[in-house]
mmCIF file of all heavy atoms, coordinates in Angstrom:
data_MODEL
# 
_entry.id   MODEL 
# 
loop_
_atom_site.group_PDB 
_atom_site.id 
_atom_site.type_symbol 
_atom_site.label_atom_id 
_atom_site.label_alt_id 
_atom_site.label_comp_id 
_atom_site.label_asym_id 
_atom_site.label_entity_id 
_atom_site.label_seq_id 
_atom_site.pdbx_PDB_ins_code 
_atom_site.Cartn_x 
_atom_site.Cartn_y 
_atom_site.Cartn_z 
_atom_site.occupancy 
_atom_site.B_iso_or_equiv 
_atom_site.pdbx_formal_charge 
_atom_site.auth_seq_id 
_atom_site.auth_comp_id 
_atom_site.auth_asym_id 
_atom_site.auth_atom_id 
_atom_site.pdbx_PDB_model_num 
ATOM 1   N N   . LEU A 1 1  ? 2.473   -17.287 4.139  1.00 0.00 ? 1  LEU A N   1 
ATOM 2   C CA  . LEU A 1 1  ? 1.755   -16.667 5.250  1.00 0.00 ? 1  LEU A CA  1 
ATOM 3   C C   . LEU A 1 1  ? 0.627   -15.771 4.737  1.00 0.00 ? 1  LEU A C   1 
ATOM 4   O O   . LEU A 1 1  ? -0.504  -15.844 5.217  1.00 0.00 ? 1  LEU A O   1 
ATOM 5   C CB  . LEU A 1 1  ? 2.720   -15.854 6.115  1.00 0.00 ? 1  LEU A CB  1 
ATOM 6   C CG  . LEU A 1 1  ? 2.100   -14.937 7.155  1.00 0.00 ? 1  LEU A CG  1 
ATOM 7   C CD1 . LEU A 1 1  ? 1.356   -15.739 8.204  1.00 0.00 ? 1  LEU A CD1 1 
ATOM 8   C CD2 . LEU A 1 1  ? 3.158   -14.071 7.799  1.00 0.00 ? 1  LEU A CD2 1 
ATOM 9   N N   . LEU A 1 2  ? 0.937   -14.951 3.745  1.00 0.00 ? 2  LEU A N   1 
ATOM 10  C CA  . LEU A 1 2  ? -0.065  -14.032 3.205  1.00 0.00 ? 2  LEU A CA  1 
ATOM 11  C C   . LEU A 1 2  ? -1.221  -14.784 2.558  1.00 0.00 ? 2  LEU A C   1 
ATOM 12  O O   . LEU A 1 2  ? -2.377  -14.398 2.703  1.00 0.00 ? 2  LEU A O   1 
ATOM 13  C CB  . LEU A 1 2  ? 0.573   -13.071 2.201  1.00 0.00 ? 2  LEU A CB  1 
ATOM 14  C CG  . LEU A 1 2  ? 1.619   -12.117 2.772  1.00 0.00 ? 2  LEU A CG  1 
ATOM 15  C CD1 . LEU A 1 2  ? 2.193   -11.250 1.670  1.00 0.00 ? 2  LEU A CD1 1 
ATOM 16  C CD2 . LEU A 1 2  ? 1.041   -11.271 3.886  1.00 0.00 ? 2  LEU A CD2 1 
ATOM 17  N N   . GLN A 1 3  ? -0.926  -15.863 1.869  1.00 0.00 ? 3  GLN A N   1 
ATOM 18  C CA  . GLN A 1 3  ? -1.984  -16.640 1.241  1.00 0.00 ? 3  GLN A CA  1 
ATOM 19  C C   . GLN A 1 3  ? -2.915  -17.244 2.281  1.00 0.00 ? 3  GLN A C   1 
ATOM 20  O O   . GLN A 1 3  ? -4.115  -17.370 2.056  1.00 0.00 ? 3  GLN A O   1 
ATOM 21  C CB  . GLN A 1 3  ? -1.404  -17.730 0.346  1.00 0.00 ? 3  GLN A CB  1 
ATOM 22  C CG  . GLN A 1 3  ? -0.806  -17.177 -0.921 1.00 0.00 ? 3  GLN A CG  1 
ATOM 23  C CD  . GLN A 1 3  ? -0.226  -18.255 -1.820 1.00 0.00 ? 3  GLN A CD  1 
ATOM 24  O OE1 . GLN A 1 3  ? -0.022  -19.389 -1.409 1.00 0.00 ? 3  GLN A OE1 1 
ATOM 25  N NE2 . GLN A 1 3  ? 0.047   -17.882 -3.061 1.00 0.00 ? 3  GLN A NE2 1 
ATOM 26  N N   . ALA A 1 4  ? -2.380  -17.593 3.441  1.00 0.00 ? 4  ALA A N   1 
ATOM 27  C CA  . ALA A 1 4  ? -3.191  -18.187 4.499  1.00 0.00 ? 4  ALA A CA  1 
ATOM 28  C C   . ALA A 1 4  ? -3.967  -17.144 5.292  1.00 0.00 ? 4  ALA A C   1 
ATOM 29  O O   . ALA A 1 4  ? -5.087  -17.407 5.729  1.00 0.00 ? 4  ALA A O   1 
ATOM 30  C CB  . ALA A 1 4  ? -2.292  -18.987 5.438  1.00 0.00 ? 4  ALA A CB  1 
ATOM 31  N N   . VAL A 1 5  ? -3.404  -15.968 5.483  1.00 0.00 ? 5  VAL A N   1 
ATOM 32  C CA  . VAL A 1 5  ? -3.973  -14.991 6.406  1.00 0.00 ? 5  VAL A CA  1 
ATOM 33  C C   . VAL A 1 5  ? -4.854  -13.942 5.723  1.00 0.00 ? 5  VAL A C   1 
ATOM 34  O O   . VAL A 1 5  ? -5.875  -13.542 6.282  1.00 0.00 ? 5  VAL A O   1 
ATOM 35  C CB  . VAL A 1 5  ? -2.834  -14.293 7.190  1.00 0.00 ? 5  VAL A CB  1 
ATOM 36  C CG1 . VAL A 1 5  ? -3.363  -13.187 8.063  1.00 0.00 ? 5  VAL A CG1 1 
ATOM 37  C CG2 . VAL A 1 5  ? -2.080  -15.312 8.034  1.00 0.00 ? 5  VAL A CG2 1 
ATOM 38  N N   . LEU A 1 6  ? -4.490  -13.486 4.542  1.00 0.00 ? 6  LEU A N   1 
ATOM 39  C CA  . LEU A 1 6  ? -5.220  -12.383 3.909  1.00 0.00 ? 6  LEU A CA  1 
ATOM 40  C C   . LEU A 1 6  ? -6.545  -12.831 3.316  1.00 0.00 ? 6  LEU A C   1 
ATOM 41  O O   . LEU A 1 6  ? -6.674  -13.936 2.792  1.00 0.00 ? 6  LEU A O   1 
ATOM 42  C CB  . LEU A 1 6  ? -4.369  -11.739 2.816  1.00 0.00 ? 6  LEU A CB  1 
ATOM 43  C CG  . LEU A 1 6  ? -3.064  -11.093 3.251  1.00 0.00 ? 6  LEU A CG  1 
ATOM 44  C CD1 . LEU A 1 6  ? -2.376  -10.460 2.047  1.00 0.00 ? 6  LEU A CD1 1 
ATOM 45  C CD2 . LEU A 1 6  ? -3.275  -10.066 4.340  1.00 0.00 ? 6  LEU A CD2 1 
ATOM 46  N N   . ASP A 1 7  ? -7.528  -11.942 3.379  1.00 0.00 ? 7  ASP A N   1 
ATOM 47  C CA  . ASP A 1 7  ? -8.856  -12.172 2.822  1.00 0.00 ? 7  ASP A CA  1 
ATOM 48  C C   . ASP A 1 7  ? -8.839  -11.765 1.344  1.00 0.00 ? 7  ASP A C   1 
ATOM 49  O O   . ASP A 1 7  ? -8.456  -10.631 1.018  1.00 0.00 ? 7  ASP A O   1 
ATOM 50  C CB  . ASP A 1 7  ? -9.873  -11.332 3.592  1.00 0.00 ? 7  ASP A CB  1 
ATOM 51  C CG  . ASP A 1 7  ? -11.295 -11.527 3.128  1.00 0.00 ? 7  ASP A CG  1 
ATOM 52  O OD1 . ASP A 1 7  ? -11.546 -12.388 2.261  1.00 0.00 ? 7  ASP A OD1 1 
ATOM 53  O OD2 . ASP A 1 7  ? -12.174 -10.815 3.641  1.00 0.00 ? 7  ASP A OD2 1 
ATOM 54  N N   . PRO A 1 8  ? -9.255  -12.645 0.440  1.00 0.00 ? 8  PRO A N   1 
ATOM 55  C CA  . PRO A 1 8  ? -9.192  -12.313 -0.992 1.00 0.00 ? 8  PRO A CA  1 
ATOM 56  C C   . PRO A 1 8  ? -10.127 -11.182 -1.414 1.00 0.00 ? 8  PRO A C   1 
ATOM 57  O O   . PRO A 1 8  ? -9.925  -10.575 -2.463 1.00 0.00 ? 8  PRO A O   1 
ATOM 58  C CB  . PRO A 1 8  ? -9.577  -13.621 -1.682 1.00 0.00 ? 8  PRO A CB  1 
ATOM 59  C CG  . PRO A 1 8  ? -10.272 -14.425 -0.656 1.00 0.00 ? 8  PRO A CG  1 
ATOM 60  C CD  . PRO A 1 8  ? -9.755  -13.987 0.680  1.00 0.00 ? 8  PRO A CD  1 
ATOM 61  N N   . ASP A 1 9  ? -11.131 -10.886 -0.617 1.00 0.00 ? 9  ASP A N   1 
ATOM 62  C CA  . ASP A 1 9  ? -12.086 -9.838  -0.971 1.00 0.00 ? 9  ASP A CA  1 
ATOM 63  C C   . ASP A 1 9  ? -11.747 -8.488  -0.373 1.00 0.00 ? 9  ASP A C   1 
ATOM 64  O O   . ASP A 1 9  ? -12.497 -7.530  -0.531 1.00 0.00 ? 9  ASP A O   1 
ATOM 65  C CB  . ASP A 1 9  ? -13.490 -10.243 -0.506 1.00 0.00 ? 9  ASP A CB  1 
ATOM 66  C CG  . ASP A 1 9  ? -13.971 -11.513 -1.185 1.00 0.00 ? 9  ASP A CG  1 
ATOM 67  O OD1 . ASP A 1 9  ? -13.624 -11.715 -2.367 1.00 0.00 ? 9  ASP A OD1 1 
ATOM 68  O OD2 . ASP A 1 9  ? -14.676 -12.300 -0.536 1.00 0.00 ? 9  ASP A OD2 1 
ATOM 69  N N   . GLN A 1 10 ? -10.608 -8.392  0.310  1.00 0.00 ? 10 GLN A N   1 
ATOM 70  C CA  . GLN A 1 10 ? -10.218 -7.158  0.975  1.00 0.00 ? 10 GLN A CA  1 
ATOM 71  C C   . GLN A 1 10 ? -8.944  -6.607  0.333  1.00 0.00 ? 10 GLN A C   1 
ATOM 72  O O   . GLN A 1 10 ? -8.190  -7.345  -0.297 1.00 0.00 ? 10 GLN A O   1 
ATOM 73  C CB  . GLN A 1 10 ? -9.948  -7.450  2.455  1.00 0.00 ? 10 GLN A CB  1 
ATOM 74  C CG  . GLN A 1 10 ? -10.381 -6.373  3.370  1.00 0.00 ? 10 GLN A CG  1 
ATOM 75  C CD  . GLN A 1 10 ? -10.221 -6.795  4.833  1.00 0.00 ? 10 GLN A CD  1 
ATOM 76  O OE1 . GLN A 1 10 ? -9.920  -7.935  5.150  1.00 0.00 ? 10 GLN A OE1 1 
ATOM 77  N NE2 . GLN A 1 10 ? -10.410 -5.856  5.712  1.00 0.00 ? 10 GLN A NE2 1 
ATOM 78  N N   . THR A 1 11 ? -8.714  -5.297  0.492  1.00 0.00 ? 11 THR A N   1 
ATOM 79  C CA  . THR A 1 11 ? -7.474  -4.693  0.019  1.00 0.00 ? 11 THR A CA  1 
ATOM 80  C C   . THR A 1 11 ? -6.678  -4.209  1.223  1.00 0.00 ? 11 THR A C   1 
ATOM 81  O O   . THR A 1 11 ? -7.241  -3.927  2.281  1.00 0.00 ? 11 THR A O   1 
ATOM 82  C CB  . THR A 1 11 ? -7.754  -3.509  -0.930 1.00 0.00 ? 11 THR A CB  1 
ATOM 83  O OG1 . THR A 1 11 ? -8.550  -2.546  -0.267 1.00 0.00 ? 11 THR A OG1 1 
ATOM 84  C CG2 . THR A 1 11 ? -8.428  -3.989  -2.207 1.00 0.00 ? 11 THR A CG2 1 
ATOM 85  N N   . TYR A 1 12 ? -5.368  -4.111  1.052  1.00 0.00 ? 12 TYR A N   1 
ATOM 86  C CA  . TYR A 1 12 ? -4.461  -3.776  2.149  1.00 0.00 ? 12 TYR A CA  1 
ATOM 87  C C   . TYR A 1 12 ? -3.395  -2.807  1.655  1.00 0.00 ? 12 TYR A C   1 
ATOM 88  O O   . TYR A 1 12 ? -2.993  -2.866  0.496  1.00 0.00 ? 12 TYR A O   1 
ATOM 89  C CB  . TYR A 1 12 ? -3.746  -5.041  2.657  1.00 0.00 ? 12 TYR A CB  1 
ATOM 90  C CG  . TYR A 1 12 ? -4.670  -6.156  3.061  1.00 0.00 ? 12 TYR A CG  1 
ATOM 91  C CD1 . TYR A 1 12 ? -5.112  -7.087  2.140  1.00 0.00 ? 12 TYR A CD1 1 
ATOM 92  C CD2 . TYR A 1 12 ? -5.091  -6.292  4.372  1.00 0.00 ? 12 TYR A CD2 1 
ATOM 93  C CE1 . TYR A 1 12 ? -5.958  -8.119  2.516  1.00 0.00 ? 12 TYR A CE1 1 
ATOM 94  C CE2 . TYR A 1 12 ? -5.934  -7.323  4.760  1.00 0.00 ? 12 TYR A CE2 1 
ATOM 95  C CZ  . TYR A 1 12 ? -6.360  -8.232  3.825  1.00 0.00 ? 12 TYR A CZ  1 
ATOM 96  O OH  . TYR A 1 12 ? -7.198  -9.245  4.207  1.00 0.00 ? 12 TYR A OH  1 
ATOM 97  N N   . THR A 1 13 ? -2.903  -1.965  2.564  1.00 0.00 ? 13 THR A N   1 
ATOM 98  C CA  . THR A 1 13 ? -1.733  -1.151  2.257  1.00 0.00 ? 13 THR A CA  1 
ATOM 99  C C   . THR A 1 13 ? -0.504  -1.957  2.648  1.00 0.00 ? 13 THR A C   1 
ATOM 100 O O   . THR A 1 13 ? -0.600  -2.938  3.398  1.00 0.00 ? 13 THR A O   1 
ATOM 101 C CB  . THR A 1 13 ? -1.746  0.174   3.045  1.00 0.00 ? 13 THR A CB  1 
ATOM 102 O OG1 . THR A 1 13 ? -1.672  -0.114  4.437  1.00 0.00 ? 13 THR A OG1 1 
ATOM 103 C CG2 . THR A 1 13 ? -2.980  1.010   2.736  1.00 0.00 ? 13 THR A CG2 1 
ATOM 104 N N   . ALA A 1 14 ? 0.659   -1.536  2.166  1.00 0.00 ? 14 ALA A N   1 
ATOM 105 C CA  . ALA A 1 14 ? 1.902   -2.225  2.508  1.00 0.00 ? 14 ALA A CA  1 
ATOM 106 C C   . ALA A 1 14 ? 2.143   -2.176  4.015  1.00 0.00 ? 14 ALA A C   1 
ATOM 107 O O   . ALA A 1 14 ? 2.579   -3.157  4.618  1.00 0.00 ? 14 ALA A O   1 
ATOM 108 C CB  . ALA A 1 14 ? 3.070   -1.613  1.752  1.00 0.00 ? 14 ALA A CB  1 
ATOM 109 N N   . ALA A 1 15 ? 1.810   -1.053  4.641  1.00 0.00 ? 15 ALA A N   1 
ATOM 110 C CA  . ALA A 1 15 ? 1.997   -0.913  6.084  1.00 0.00 ? 15 ALA A CA  1 
ATOM 111 C C   . ALA A 1 15 ? 1.099   -1.877  6.853  1.00 0.00 ? 15 ALA A C   1 
ATOM 112 O O   . ALA A 1 15 ? 1.530   -2.472  7.848  1.00 0.00 ? 15 ALA A O   1 
ATOM 113 C CB  . ALA A 1 15 ? 1.718   0.523   6.507  1.00 0.00 ? 15 ALA A CB  1 
ATOM 114 N N   . GLU A 1 16 ? -0.131  -2.044  6.401  1.00 0.00 ? 16 GLU A N   1 
ATOM 115 C CA  . GLU A 1 16 ? -1.048  -2.985  7.052  1.00 0.00 ? 16 GLU A CA  1 
ATOM 116 C C   . GLU A 1 16 ? -0.526  -4.412  6.958  1.00 0.00 ? 16 GLU A C   1 
ATOM 117 O O   . GLU A 1 16 ? -0.591  -5.171  7.927  1.00 0.00 ? 16 GLU A O   1 
ATOM 118 C CB  . GLU A 1 16 ? -2.442  -2.914  6.420  1.00 0.00 ? 16 GLU A CB  1 
ATOM 119 C CG  . GLU A 1 16 ? -3.204  -1.646  6.716  1.00 0.00 ? 16 GLU A CG  1 
ATOM 120 C CD  . GLU A 1 16 ? -4.494  -1.529  5.938  1.00 0.00 ? 16 GLU A CD  1 
ATOM 121 O OE1 . GLU A 1 16 ? -4.632  -2.142  4.856  1.00 0.00 ? 16 GLU A OE1 1 
ATOM 122 O OE2 . GLU A 1 16 ? -5.375  -0.797  6.414  1.00 0.00 ? 16 GLU A OE2 1 
ATOM 123 N N   . VAL A 1 17 ? -0.004  -4.780  5.812  1.00 0.00 ? 17 VAL A N   1 
ATOM 124 C CA  . VAL A 1 17 ? 0.519   -6.132  5.617  1.00 0.00 ? 17 VAL A CA  1 
ATOM 125 C C   . VAL A 1 17 ? 1.742   -6.366  6.500  1.00 0.00 ? 17 VAL A C   1 
ATOM 126 O O   . VAL A 1 17 ? 1.888   -7.441  7.097  1.00 0.00 ? 17 VAL A O   1 
ATOM 127 C CB  . VAL A 1 17 ? 0.852   -6.384  4.128  1.00 0.00 ? 17 VAL A CB  1 
ATOM 128 C CG1 . VAL A 1 17 ? 1.529   -7.730  3.934  1.00 0.00 ? 17 VAL A CG1 1 
ATOM 129 C CG2 . VAL A 1 17 ? -0.413  -6.313  3.291  1.00 0.00 ? 17 VAL A CG2 1 
ATOM 130 N N   . GLU A 1 18 ? 2.603   -5.359  6.619  1.00 0.00 ? 18 GLU A N   1 
ATOM 131 C CA  . GLU A 1 18 ? 3.768   -5.497  7.494  1.00 0.00 ? 18 GLU A CA  1 
ATOM 132 C C   . GLU A 1 18 ? 3.339   -5.700  8.942  1.00 0.00 ? 18 GLU A C   1 
ATOM 133 O O   . GLU A 1 18 ? 3.937   -6.499  9.662  1.00 0.00 ? 18 GLU A O   1 
ATOM 134 C CB  . GLU A 1 18 ? 4.666   -4.273  7.350  1.00 0.00 ? 18 GLU A CB  1 
ATOM 135 C CG  . GLU A 1 18 ? 5.387   -4.241  6.017  1.00 0.00 ? 18 GLU A CG  1 
ATOM 136 C CD  . GLU A 1 18 ? 6.113   -2.940  5.747  1.00 0.00 ? 18 GLU A CD  1 
ATOM 137 O OE1 . GLU A 1 18 ? 6.061   -2.014  6.592  1.00 0.00 ? 18 GLU A OE1 1 
ATOM 138 O OE2 . GLU A 1 18 ? 6.732   -2.833  4.680  1.00 0.00 ? 18 GLU A OE2 1 
ATOM 139 N N   . LYS A 1 19 ? 2.277   -5.026  9.371  1.00 0.00 ? 19 LYS A N   1 
ATOM 140 C CA  . LYS A 1 19 ? 1.759   -5.203  10.730 1.00 0.00 ? 19 LYS A CA  1 
ATOM 141 C C   . LYS A 1 19 ? 1.169   -6.596  10.912 1.00 0.00 ? 19 LYS A C   1 
ATOM 142 O O   . LYS A 1 19 ? 1.334   -7.216  11.960 1.00 0.00 ? 19 LYS A O   1 
ATOM 143 C CB  . LYS A 1 19 ? 0.694   -4.151  11.044 1.00 0.00 ? 19 LYS A CB  1 
ATOM 144 C CG  . LYS A 1 19 ? 1.253   -2.784  11.299 1.00 0.00 ? 19 LYS A CG  1 
ATOM 145 C CD  . LYS A 1 19 ? 0.152   -1.793  11.616 1.00 0.00 ? 19 LYS A CD  1 
ATOM 146 C CE  . LYS A 1 19 ? 0.704   -0.399  11.774 1.00 0.00 ? 19 LYS A CE  1 
ATOM 147 N NZ  . LYS A 1 19 ? -0.349  0.595   12.044 1.00 0.00 ? 19 LYS A NZ  1 
ATOM 148 N N   . ILE A 1 20 ? 0.484   -7.097  9.898  1.00 0.00 ? 20 ILE A N   1 
ATOM 149 C CA  . ILE A 1 20 ? -0.091  -8.445  9.960  1.00 0.00 ? 20 ILE A CA  1 
ATOM 150 C C   . ILE A 1 20 ? 1.018   -9.484  10.085 1.00 0.00 ? 20 ILE A C   1 
ATOM 151 O O   . ILE A 1 20 ? 0.940   -10.405 10.902 1.00 0.00 ? 20 ILE A O   1 
ATOM 152 C CB  . ILE A 1 20 ? -0.966  -8.721  8.714  1.00 0.00 ? 20 ILE A CB  1 
ATOM 153 C CG1 . ILE A 1 20 ? -2.228  -7.856  8.755  1.00 0.00 ? 20 ILE A CG1 1 
ATOM 154 C CG2 . ILE A 1 20 ? -1.318  -10.195 8.596  1.00 0.00 ? 20 ILE A CG2 1 
ATOM 155 C CD1 . ILE A 1 20 ? -3.032  -7.857  7.472  1.00 0.00 ? 20 ILE A CD1 1 
ATOM 156 N N   . ILE A 1 21 ? 2.066   -9.328  9.292  1.00 0.00 ? 21 ILE A N   1 
ATOM 157 C CA  . ILE A 1 21 ? 3.197   -10.260 9.334  1.00 0.00 ? 21 ILE A CA  1 
ATOM 158 C C   . ILE A 1 21 ? 3.870   -10.214 10.703 1.00 0.00 ? 21 ILE A C   1 
ATOM 159 O O   . ILE A 1 21 ? 4.152   -11.255 11.305 1.00 0.00 ? 21 ILE A O   1 
ATOM 160 C CB  . ILE A 1 21 ? 4.200   -9.953  8.202  1.00 0.00 ? 21 ILE A CB  1 
ATOM 161 C CG1 . ILE A 1 21 ? 3.585   -10.280 6.845  1.00 0.00 ? 21 ILE A CG1 1 
ATOM 162 C CG2 . ILE A 1 21 ? 5.506   -10.737 8.400  1.00 0.00 ? 21 ILE A CG2 1 
ATOM 163 C CD1 . ILE A 1 21 ? 4.370   -9.769  5.658  1.00 0.00 ? 21 ILE A CD1 1 
ATOM 164 N N   . ALA A 1 22 ? 4.121   -9.018  11.210 1.00 0.00 ? 22 ALA A N   1 
ATOM 165 C CA  . ALA A 1 22 ? 4.772   -8.859  12.514 1.00 0.00 ? 22 ALA A CA  1 
ATOM 166 C C   . ALA A 1 22 ? 3.920   -9.467  13.619 1.00 0.00 ? 22 ALA A C   1 
ATOM 167 O O   . ALA A 1 22 ? 4.433   -10.144 14.519 1.00 0.00 ? 22 ALA A O   1 
ATOM 168 C CB  . ALA A 1 22 ? 5.041   -7.391  12.794 1.00 0.00 ? 22 ALA A CB  1 
ATOM 169 N N   . GLY A 1 23 ? 2.621   -9.251  13.576 1.00 0.00 ? 23 GLY A N   1 
ATOM 170 C CA  . GLY A 1 23 ? 1.724   -9.807  14.579 1.00 0.00 ? 23 GLY A CA  1 
ATOM 171 C C   . GLY A 1 23 ? 1.700   -11.325 14.543 1.00 0.00 ? 23 GLY A C   1 
ATOM 172 O O   . GLY A 1 23 ? 1.654   -11.983 15.579 1.00 0.00 ? 23 GLY A O   1 
ATOM 173 N N   . PHE A 1 24 ? 1.738   -11.869 13.347 1.00 0.00 ? 24 PHE A N   1 
ATOM 174 C CA  . PHE A 1 24 ? 1.740   -13.323 13.214 1.00 0.00 ? 24 PHE A CA  1 
ATOM 175 C C   . PHE A 1 24 ? 3.026   -13.928 13.759 1.00 0.00 ? 24 PHE A C   1 
ATOM 176 O O   . PHE A 1 24 ? 3.005   -14.963 14.419 1.00 0.00 ? 24 PHE A O   1 
ATOM 177 C CB  . PHE A 1 24 ? 1.554   -13.719 11.746 1.00 0.00 ? 24 PHE A CB  1 
ATOM 178 C CG  . PHE A 1 24 ? 1.364   -15.185 11.540 1.00 0.00 ? 24 PHE A CG  1 
ATOM 179 C CD1 . PHE A 1 24 ? 0.106   -15.754 11.685 1.00 0.00 ? 24 PHE A CD1 1 
ATOM 180 C CD2 . PHE A 1 24 ? 2.430   -16.006 11.220 1.00 0.00 ? 24 PHE A CD2 1 
ATOM 181 C CE1 . PHE A 1 24 ? -0.086  -17.109 11.495 1.00 0.00 ? 24 PHE A CE1 1 
ATOM 182 C CE2 . PHE A 1 24 ? 2.247   -17.374 11.035 1.00 0.00 ? 24 PHE A CE2 1 
ATOM 183 C CZ  . PHE A 1 24 ? 0.993   -17.922 11.175 1.00 0.00 ? 24 PHE A CZ  1 
ATOM 184 N N   . LYS A 1 25 ? 4.144   -13.267 13.497 1.00 0.00 ? 25 LYS A N   1 
ATOM 185 C CA  . LYS A 1 25 ? 5.429   -13.768 13.975 1.00 0.00 ? 25 LYS A CA  1 
ATOM 186 C C   . LYS A 1 25 ? 5.546   -13.714 15.488 1.00 0.00 ? 25 LYS A C   1 
ATOM 187 O O   . LYS A 1 25 ? 6.261   -14.503 16.088 1.00 0.00 ? 25 LYS A O   1 
ATOM 188 C CB  . LYS A 1 25 ? 6.586   -12.972 13.352 1.00 0.00 ? 25 LYS A CB  1 
ATOM 189 C CG  . LYS A 1 25 ? 6.818   -13.307 11.898 1.00 0.00 ? 25 LYS A CG  1 
ATOM 190 C CD  . LYS A 1 25 ? 8.022   -12.563 11.392 1.00 0.00 ? 25 LYS A CD  1 
ATOM 191 C CE  . LYS A 1 25 ? 8.381   -12.975 10.000 1.00 0.00 ? 25 LYS A CE  1 
ATOM 192 N NZ  . LYS A 1 25 ? 9.587   -12.297 9.529  1.00 0.00 ? 25 LYS A NZ  1 
ATOM 193 N N   . LYS A 1 26 ? 4.833   -12.779 16.117 1.00 0.00 ? 26 LYS A N   1 
ATOM 194 C CA  . LYS A 1 26 ? 4.877   -12.650 17.571 1.00 0.00 ? 26 LYS A CA  1 
ATOM 195 C C   . LYS A 1 26 ? 3.906   -13.606 18.257 1.00 0.00 ? 26 LYS A C   1 
ATOM 196 O O   . LYS A 1 26 ? 3.899   -13.713 19.456 1.00 0.00 ? 26 LYS A O   1 
ATOM 197 C CB  . LYS A 1 26 ? 4.527   -11.222 17.996 1.00 0.00 ? 26 LYS A CB  1 
ATOM 198 C CG  . LYS A 1 26 ? 5.609   -10.235 17.675 1.00 0.00 ? 26 LYS A CG  1 
ATOM 199 C CD  . LYS A 1 26 ? 5.233   -8.848  18.156 1.00 0.00 ? 26 LYS A CD  1 
ATOM 200 C CE  . LYS A 1 26 ? 6.297   -7.861  17.810 1.00 0.00 ? 26 LYS A CE  1 
ATOM 201 N NZ  . LYS A 1 26 ? 5.947   -6.507  18.263 1.00 0.00 ? 26 LYS A NZ  1 
ATOM 202 N N   . GLY A 1 27 ? 3.081   -14.301 17.472 1.00 0.00 ? 27 GLY A N   1 
ATOM 203 C CA  . GLY A 1 27 ? 2.074   -15.198 18.026 1.00 0.00 ? 27 GLY A CA  1 
ATOM 204 C C   . GLY A 1 27 ? 2.694   -16.319 18.842 1.00 0.00 ? 27 GLY A C   1 
ATOM 205 O O   . GLY A 1 27 ? 3.850   -16.715 18.656 1.00 0.00 ? 27 GLY A O   1 
# 
């Protein structure tokens, strides 16, 4: 999921990634 969703040129905090994962699962 992270390989598909995250932008390689951007940085993220652990909290941001957890929100991204949760949002994707609720899709």
